[in-house]
Amino acid sequence: MLRTLFTIGVMAILGLFVMRIAFGILGGVLGLFIGLAFLALKIVLIGAVAYAVIAVVSPNSAKRLRERFSGAPTTY
């Protein structure tokens, strides 16, 4: 009975150790993912502002940009 309690205690401590290591690594990966997501959001916002300015200043250029990046098939 004492051996069973000791085994359960050792397994619990090993489980906590493994969880600490796993969540430590996953925390770093999650932080990296969030950082990259915010960077992508900043790039999209800057592109949207630049497109809005181009659309106001030169609508023809905005139309060409829209056609280039719309994903529509190109015709030669």
PDB file of N, CA and C in Angstrom:
ATOM      1  N   MET A   1       0.825  -1.193   0.000  1.00  0.00           N
ATOM      2  CA  MET A   1       0.000   0.000   0.000  1.00  0.00           C
ATOM      3  C   MET A   1       0.869   1.257   0.000  1.00  0.00           C
ATOM      4  N   LEU A   2       1.913   1.230   0.784  1.00  0.00           N
ATOM      5  CA  LEU A   2       2.815   2.384   0.817  1.00  0.00           C
ATOM      6  C   LEU A   2       3.534   2.543  -0.527  1.00  0.00           C
ATOM      7  N   ARG A   3       3.869   1.384  -1.130  1.00  0.00           N
ATOM      8  CA  ARG A   3       4.532   1.427  -2.427  1.00  0.00           C
ATOM      9  C   ARG A   3       3.601   2.015  -3.488  1.00  0.00           C
ATOM     10  N   THR A   4       2.321   1.706  -3.455  1.00  0.00           N
ATOM     11  CA  THR A   4       1.345   2.243  -4.399  1.00  0.00           C
ATOM     12  C   THR A   4       1.222   3.754  -4.241  1.00  0.00           C
ATOM     13  N   LEU A   5       1.148   4.233  -3.012  1.00  0.00           N
ATOM     14  CA  LEU A   5       1.076   5.681  -2.771  1.00  0.00           C
ATOM     15  C   LEU A   5       2.335   6.383  -3.270  1.00  0.00           C
ATOM     16  N   PHE A   6       3.486   5.750  -3.019  1.00  0.00           N
ATOM     17  CA  PHE A   6       4.747   6.331  -3.464  1.00  0.00           C
ATOM     18  C   PHE A   6       4.784   6.399  -4.997  1.00  0.00           C
ATOM     19  N   THR A   7       4.320   5.337  -5.676  1.00  0.00           N
ATOM     20  CA  THR A   7       4.305   5.305  -7.142  1.00  0.00           C
ATOM     21  C   THR A   7       3.371   6.377  -7.701  1.00  0.00           C
ATOM     22  N   ILE A   8       2.203   6.536  -7.103  1.00  0.00           N
ATOM     23  CA  ILE A   8       1.271   7.567  -7.547  1.00  0.00           C
ATOM     24  C   ILE A   8       1.886   8.954  -7.365  1.00  0.00           C
ATOM     25  N   GLY A   9       2.556   9.183  -6.258  1.00  0.00           N
ATOM     26  CA  GLY A   9       3.210  10.469  -6.016  1.00  0.00           C
ATOM     27  C   GLY A   9       4.309  10.753  -7.025  1.00  0.00           C
ATOM     28  N   VAL A  10       5.123   9.747  -7.323  1.00  0.00           N
ATOM     29  CA  VAL A  10       6.203   9.925  -8.306  1.00  0.00           C
ATOM     30  C   VAL A  10       5.617  10.222  -9.683  1.00  0.00           C
ATOM     31  N   MET A  11       4.563   9.494 -10.061  1.00  0.00           N
ATOM     32  CA  MET A  11       3.931   9.741 -11.363  1.00  0.00           C
ATOM     33  C   MET A  11       3.321  11.144 -11.429  1.00  0.00           C
ATOM     34  N   ALA A  12       2.739  11.609 -10.346  1.00  0.00           N
ATOM     35  CA  ALA A  12       2.167  12.960 -10.322  1.00  0.00           C
ATOM     36  C   ALA A  12       3.256  14.009 -10.479  1.00  0.00           C
ATOM     37  N   ILE A  13       4.363  13.825  -9.793  1.00  0.00           N
ATOM     38  CA  ILE A  13       5.468  14.786  -9.901  1.00  0.00           C
ATOM     39  C   ILE A  13       6.057  14.765 -11.309  1.00  0.00           C
ATOM     40  N   LEU A  14       6.226  13.573 -11.886  1.00  0.00           N
ATOM     41  CA  LEU A  14       6.730  13.489 -13.261  1.00  0.00           C
ATOM     42  C   LEU A  14       5.746  14.127 -14.246  1.00  0.00           C
ATOM     43  N   GLY A  15       4.453  13.923 -14.022  1.00  0.00           N
ATOM     44  CA  GLY A  15       3.450  14.543 -14.876  1.00  0.00           C
ATOM     45  C   GLY A  15       3.501  16.058 -14.814  1.00  0.00           C
ATOM     46  N   LEU A  16       3.659  16.596 -13.614  1.00  0.00           N
ATOM     47  CA  LEU A  16       3.768  18.048 -13.463  1.00  0.00           C
ATOM     48  C   LEU A  16       5.012  18.589 -14.164  1.00  0.00           C
ATOM     49  N   PHE A  17       6.111  17.849 -14.046  1.00  0.00           N
ATOM     50  CA  PHE A  17       7.358  18.254 -14.699  1.00  0.00           C
ATOM     51  C   PHE A  17       7.192  18.267 -16.217  1.00  0.00           C
ATOM     52  N   VAL A  18       6.574  17.208 -16.763  1.00  0.00           N
ATOM     53  CA  VAL A  18       6.358  17.134 -18.216  1.00  0.00           C
ATOM     54  C   VAL A  18       5.412  18.241 -18.674  1.00  0.00           C
ATOM     55  N   MET A  19       4.363  18.503 -17.901  1.00  0.00           N
ATOM     56  CA  MET A  19       3.425  19.572 -18.271  1.00  0.00           C
ATOM     57  C   MET A  19       4.110  20.933 -18.251  1.00  0.00           C
ATOM     58  N   ARG A  20       4.985  21.156 -17.280  1.00  0.00           N
ATOM     59  CA  ARG A  20       5.693  22.437 -17.210  1.00  0.00           C
ATOM     60  C   ARG A  20       6.573  22.633 -18.438  1.00  0.00           C
ATOM     61  N   ILE A  21       7.274  21.578 -18.833  1.00  0.00           N
ATOM     62  CA  ILE A  21       8.128  21.680 -20.018  1.00  0.00           C
ATOM     63  C   ILE A  21       7.276  21.876 -21.270  1.00  0.00           C
ATOM     64  N   ALA A  22       6.199  21.087 -21.416  1.00  0.00           N
ATOM     65  CA  ALA A  22       5.362  21.174 -22.610  1.00  0.00           C
ATOM     66  C   ALA A  22       4.702  22.544 -22.725  1.00  0.00           C
ATOM     67  N   PHE A  23       4.127  23.041 -21.644  1.00  0.00           N
ATOM     68  CA  PHE A  23       3.459  24.339 -21.723  1.00  0.00           C
ATOM     69  C   PHE A  23       4.468  25.483 -21.835  1.00  0.00           C
ATOM     70  N   GLY A  24       5.677  25.288 -21.351  1.00  0.00           N
ATOM     71  CA  GLY A  24       6.715  26.298 -21.545  1.00  0.00           C
ATOM     72  C   GLY A  24       7.072  26.442 -23.005  1.00  0.00           C
ATOM     73  N   ILE A  25       7.195  25.320 -23.702  1.00  0.00           N
ATOM     74  CA  ILE A  25       7.504  25.355 -25.133  1.00  0.00           C
ATOM     75  C   ILE A  25       6.307  25.882 -25.908  1.00  0.00           C
ATOM     76  N   LEU A  26       5.115  25.391 -25.577  1.00  0.00           N
ATOM     77  CA  LEU A  26       3.925  25.844 -26.294  1.00  0.00           C
ATOM     78  C   LEU A  26       3.644  27.323 -26.046  1.00  0.00           C
ATOM     79  N   GLY A  27       3.986  27.811 -24.870  1.00  0.00           N
ATOM     80  CA  GLY A  27       3.810  29.231 -24.585  1.00  0.00           C
ATOM     81  C   GLY A  27       4.671  30.088 -25.490  1.00  0.00           C
ATOM     82  N   GLY A  28       5.903  29.660 -25.716  1.00  0.00           N
ATOM     83  CA  GLY A  28       6.792  30.386 -26.621  1.00  0.00           C
ATOM     84  C   GLY A  28       6.294  30.361 -28.047  1.00  0.00           C
ATOM     85  N   VAL A  29       5.799  29.209 -28.478  1.00  0.00           N
ATOM     86  CA  VAL A  29       5.255  29.085 -29.836  1.00  0.00           C
ATOM     87  C   VAL A  29       4.009  29.949 -29.979  1.00  0.00           C
ATOM     88  N   LEU A  30       3.154  29.934 -28.958  1.00  0.00           N
ATOM     89  CA  LEU A  30       1.947  30.754 -29.001  1.00  0.00           C
ATOM     90  C   LEU A  30       2.303  32.239 -29.031  1.00  0.00           C
ATOM     91  N   GLY A  31       3.285  32.653 -28.253  1.00  0.00           N
ATOM     92  CA  GLY A  31       3.733  34.047 -28.277  1.00  0.00           C
ATOM     93  C   GLY A  31       4.278  34.443 -29.638  1.00  0.00           C
ATOM     94  N   LEU A  32       5.032  33.553 -30.262  1.00  0.00           N
ATOM     95  CA  LEU A  32       5.563  33.824 -31.597  1.00  0.00           C
ATOM     96  C   LEU A  32       4.435  33.953 -32.611  1.00  0.00           C
ATOM     97  N   PHE A  33       3.452  33.073 -32.523  1.00  0.00           N
ATOM     98  CA  PHE A  33       2.305  33.119 -33.435  1.00  0.00           C
ATOM     99  C   PHE A  33       1.530  34.417 -33.273  1.00  0.00           C
ATOM    100  N   ILE A  34       1.287  34.839 -32.046  1.00  0.00           N
ATOM    101  CA  ILE A  34       0.557  36.085 -31.808  1.00  0.00           C
ATOM    102  C   ILE A  34       1.350  37.277 -32.332  1.00  0.00           C
ATOM    103  N   GLY A  35       2.660  37.265 -32.110  1.00  0.00           N
ATOM    104  CA  GLY A  35       3.503  38.347 -32.627  1.00  0.00           C
ATOM    105  C   GLY A  35       3.457  38.437 -34.141  1.00  0.00           C
ATOM    106  N   LEU A  36       3.528  37.283 -34.813  1.00  0.00           N
ATOM    107  CA  LEU A  36       3.445  37.287 -36.278  1.00  0.00           C
ATOM    108  C   LEU A  36       2.066  37.713 -36.767  1.00  0.00           C
ATOM    109  N   ALA A  37       1.019  37.343 -36.034  1.00  0.00           N
ATOM    110  CA  ALA A  37      -0.330  37.754 -36.424  1.00  0.00           C
ATOM    111  C   ALA A  37      -0.485  39.267 -36.324  1.00  0.00           C
ATOM    112  N   PHE A  38       0.058  39.872 -35.265  1.00  0.00           N
ATOM    113  CA  PHE A  38      -0.016  41.330 -35.140  1.00  0.00           C
ATOM    114  C   PHE A  38       0.816  42.017 -36.224  1.00  0.00           C
ATOM    115  N   LEU A  39       1.957  41.442 -36.572  1.00  0.00           N
ATOM    116  CA  LEU A  39       2.772  42.005 -37.651  1.00  0.00           C
ATOM    117  C   LEU A  39       2.010  41.953 -38.976  1.00  0.00           C
ATOM    118  N   ALA A  40       1.356  40.831 -39.249  1.00  0.00           N
ATOM    119  CA  ALA A  40       0.564  40.708 -40.477  1.00  0.00           C
ATOM    120  C   ALA A  40      -0.588  41.707 -40.481  1.00  0.00           C
ATOM    121  N   LEU A  41      -1.220  41.901 -39.329  1.00  0.00           N
ATOM    122  CA  LEU A  41      -2.318  42.873 -39.239  1.00  0.00           C
ATOM    123  C   LEU A  41      -1.818  44.291 -39.521  1.00  0.00           C
ATOM    124  N   LYS A  42      -0.653  44.642 -38.997  1.00  0.00           N
ATOM    125  CA  LYS A  42      -0.084  45.966 -39.260  1.00  0.00           C
ATOM    126  C   LYS A  42       0.195  46.147 -40.753  1.00  0.00           C
ATOM    127  N   ILE A  43       0.740  45.118 -41.393  1.00  0.00           N
ATOM    128  CA  ILE A  43       1.041  45.205 -42.826  1.00  0.00           C
ATOM    129  C   ILE A  43      -0.239  45.377 -43.630  1.00  0.00           C
ATOM    130  N   VAL A  44      -1.290  44.637 -43.266  1.00  0.00           N
ATOM    131  CA  VAL A  44      -2.567  44.760 -43.971  1.00  0.00           C
ATOM    132  C   VAL A  44      -3.154  46.154 -43.790  1.00  0.00           C
ATOM    133  N   LEU A  45      -3.080  46.689 -42.583  1.00  0.00           N
ATOM    134  CA  LEU A  45      -3.614  48.030 -42.340  1.00  0.00           C
ATOM    135  C   LEU A  45      -2.848  49.093 -43.123  1.00  0.00           C
ATOM    136  N   ILE A  46      -1.531  48.975 -43.175  1.00  0.00           N
ATOM    137  CA  ILE A  46      -0.727  49.928 -43.941  1.00  0.00           C
ATOM    138  C   ILE A  46      -1.077  49.830 -45.423  1.00  0.00           C
ATOM    139  N   GLY A  47      -1.240  48.602 -45.927  1.00  0.00           N
ATOM    140  CA  GLY A  47      -1.632  48.419 -47.334  1.00  0.00           C
ATOM    141  C   GLY A  47      -3.008  48.993 -47.624  1.00  0.00           C
ATOM    142  N   ALA A  48      -3.942  48.823 -46.699  1.00  0.00           N
ATOM    143  CA  ALA A  48      -5.296  49.361 -46.898  1.00  0.00           C
ATOM    144  C   ALA A  48      -5.286  50.883 -46.920  1.00  0.00           C
ATOM    145  N   VAL A  49      -4.507  51.491 -46.039  1.00  0.00           N
ATOM    146  CA  VAL A  49      -4.414  52.954 -46.028  1.00  0.00           C
ATOM    147  C   VAL A  49      -3.763  53.448 -47.313  1.00  0.00           C
ATOM    148  N   ALA A  50      -2.700  52.760 -47.755  1.00  0.00           N
ATOM    149  CA  ALA A  50      -2.033  53.162 -48.993  1.00  0.00           C
ATOM    150  C   ALA A  50      -2.977  53.020 -50.182  1.00  0.00           C
ATOM    151  N   TYR A  51      -3.753  51.951 -50.220  1.00  0.00           N
ATOM    152  CA  TYR A  51      -4.711  51.767 -51.315  1.00  0.00           C
ATOM    153  C   TYR A  51      -5.796  52.839 -51.281  1.00  0.00           C
ATOM    154  N   ALA A  52      -6.262  53.185 -50.085  1.00  0.00           N
ATOM    155  CA  ALA A  52      -7.292  54.231 -49.975  1.00  0.00           C
ATOM    156  C   ALA A  52      -6.761  55.562 -50.482  1.00  0.00           C
ATOM    157  N   VAL A  53      -5.518  55.878 -50.153  1.00  0.00           N
ATOM    158  CA  VAL A  53      -4.920  57.127 -50.631  1.00  0.00           C
ATOM    159  C   VAL A  53      -4.790  57.095 -52.149  1.00  0.00           C
ATOM    160  N   ILE A  54      -4.330  55.966 -52.695  1.00  0.00           N
ATOM    161  CA  ILE A  54      -4.197  55.855 -54.152  1.00  0.00           C
ATOM    162  C   ILE A  54      -5.560  55.942 -54.823  1.00  0.00           C
ATOM    163  N   ALA A  55      -6.588  55.342 -54.206  1.00  0.00           N
ATOM    164  CA  ALA A  55      -7.931  55.384 -54.791  1.00  0.00           C
ATOM    165  C   ALA A  55      -8.468  56.803 -54.847  1.00  0.00           C
ATOM    166  N   VAL A  56      -8.128  57.639 -53.869  1.00  0.00           N
ATOM    167  CA  VAL A  56      -8.594  59.025 -53.866  1.00  0.00           C
ATOM    168  C   VAL A  56      -7.775  59.861 -54.840  1.00  0.00           C
ATOM    169  N   VAL A  57      -6.464  59.672 -54.845  1.00  0.00           N
ATOM    170  CA  VAL A  57      -5.583  60.499 -55.665  1.00  0.00           C
ATOM    171  C   VAL A  57      -5.630  60.076 -57.134  1.00  0.00           C
ATOM    172  N   SER A  58      -5.586  58.775 -57.403  1.00  0.00           N
ATOM    173  CA  SER A  58      -5.536  58.285 -58.785  1.00  0.00           C
ATOM    174  C   SER A  58      -6.409  57.038 -58.931  1.00  0.00           C
ATOM    175  N   PRO A  59      -7.686  57.216 -59.231  1.00  0.00           N
ATOM    176  CA  PRO A  59      -8.596  56.067 -59.341  1.00  0.00           C
ATOM    177  C   PRO A  59      -8.184  55.059 -60.418  1.00  0.00           C
ATOM    178  N   ASN A  60      -7.570  55.519 -61.478  1.00  0.00           N
ATOM    179  CA  ASN A  60      -7.143  54.596 -62.536  1.00  0.00           C
ATOM    180  C   ASN A  60      -6.052  53.652 -62.022  1.00  0.00           C
ATOM    181  N   SER A  61      -5.118  54.185 -61.256  1.00  0.00           N
ATOM    182  CA  SER A  61      -4.065  53.339 -60.678  1.00  0.00           C
ATOM    183  C   SER A  61      -4.658  52.344 -59.684  1.00  0.00           C
ATOM    184  N   ALA A  62      -5.642  52.768 -58.913  1.00  0.00           N
ATOM    185  CA  ALA A  62      -6.300  51.872 -57.964  1.00  0.00           C
ATOM    186  C   ALA A  62      -7.013  50.746 -58.701  1.00  0.00           C
ATOM    187  N   LYS A  63      -7.603  51.061 -59.839  1.00  0.00           N
ATOM    188  CA  LYS A  63      -8.278  50.040 -60.635  1.00  0.00           C
ATOM    189  C   LYS A  63      -7.275  49.014 -61.150  1.00  0.00           C
ATOM    190  N   ARG A  64      -6.117  49.472 -61.620  1.00  0.00           N
ATOM    191  CA  ARG A  64      -5.085  48.548 -62.096  1.00  0.00           C
ATOM    192  C   ARG A  64      -4.566  47.672 -60.965  1.00  0.00           C
ATOM    193  N   LEU A  65      -4.373  48.253 -59.784  1.00  0.00           N
ATOM    194  CA  LEU A  65      -3.946  47.445 -58.633  1.00  0.00           C
ATOM    195  C   LEU A  65      -4.992  46.399 -58.266  1.00  0.00           C
ATOM    196  N   ARG A  66      -6.247  46.803 -58.269  1.00  0.00           N
ATOM    197  CA  ARG A  66      -7.339  45.880 -57.939  1.00  0.00           C
ATOM    198  C   ARG A  66      -7.378  44.731 -58.945  1.00  0.00           C
ATOM    199  N   GLU A  67      -7.204  45.038 -60.217  1.00  0.00           N
ATOM    200  CA  GLU A  67      -7.207  44.003 -61.247  1.00  0.00           C
ATOM    201  C   GLU A  67      -6.001  43.076 -61.100  1.00  0.00           C
ATOM    202  N   ARG A  68      -4.854  43.626 -60.734  1.00  0.00           N
ATOM    203  CA  ARG A  68      -3.646  42.814 -60.604  1.00  0.00           C
ATOM    204  C   ARG A  68      -3.740  41.843 -59.431  1.00  0.00           C
ATOM    205  N   PHE A  69      -4.272  42.283 -58.296  1.00  0.00           N
ATOM    206  CA  PHE A  69      -4.277  41.461 -57.088  1.00  0.00           C
ATOM    207  C   PHE A  69      -5.636  40.826 -56.785  1.00  0.00           C
ATOM    208  N   SER A  70      -6.580  40.892 -57.694  1.00  0.00           N
ATOM    209  CA  SER A  70      -7.906  40.340 -57.424  1.00  0.00           C
ATOM    210  C   SER A  70      -7.945  38.832 -57.578  1.00  0.00           C
ATOM    211  N   GLY A  71      -6.993  38.243 -58.250  1.00  0.00           N
ATOM    212  CA  GLY A  71      -6.982  36.813 -58.467  1.00  0.00           C
ATOM    213  C   GLY A  71      -7.726  36.393 -59.695  1.00  0.00           C
ATOM    214  N   ALA A  72      -8.201  37.354 -60.469  1.00  0.00           N
ATOM    215  CA  ALA A  72      -8.897  37.039 -61.704  1.00  0.00           C
ATOM    216  C   ALA A  72      -7.881  36.548 -62.732  1.00  0.00           C
ATOM    217  N   PRO A  73      -8.283  35.671 -63.622  1.00  0.00           N
ATOM    218  CA  PRO A  73      -7.336  35.181 -64.633  1.00  0.00           C
ATOM    219  C   PRO A  73      -6.879  36.315 -65.547  1.00  0.00           C
ATOM    220  N   THR A  74      -5.624  36.294 -65.853  1.00  0.00           N
ATOM    221  CA  THR A  74      -5.056  37.347 -66.707  1.00  0.00           C
ATOM    222  C   THR A  74      -5.282  36.984 -68.165  1.00  0.00           C
ATOM    223  N   THR A  75      -5.540  37.990 -68.969  1.00  0.00           N
ATOM    224  CA  THR A  75      -5.697  37.794 -70.409  1.00  0.00           C
ATOM    225  C   THR A  75      -4.590  38.562 -71.103  1.00  0.00           C
ATOM    226  N   TYR A  76      -3.984  37.913 -72.067  1.00  0.00           N
ATOM    227  CA  TYR A  76      -2.880  38.556 -72.775  1.00  0.00           C
ATOM    228  C   TYR A  76      -3.304  39.029 -74.126  1.00  0.00           C
TER     229      TYR A  76
END
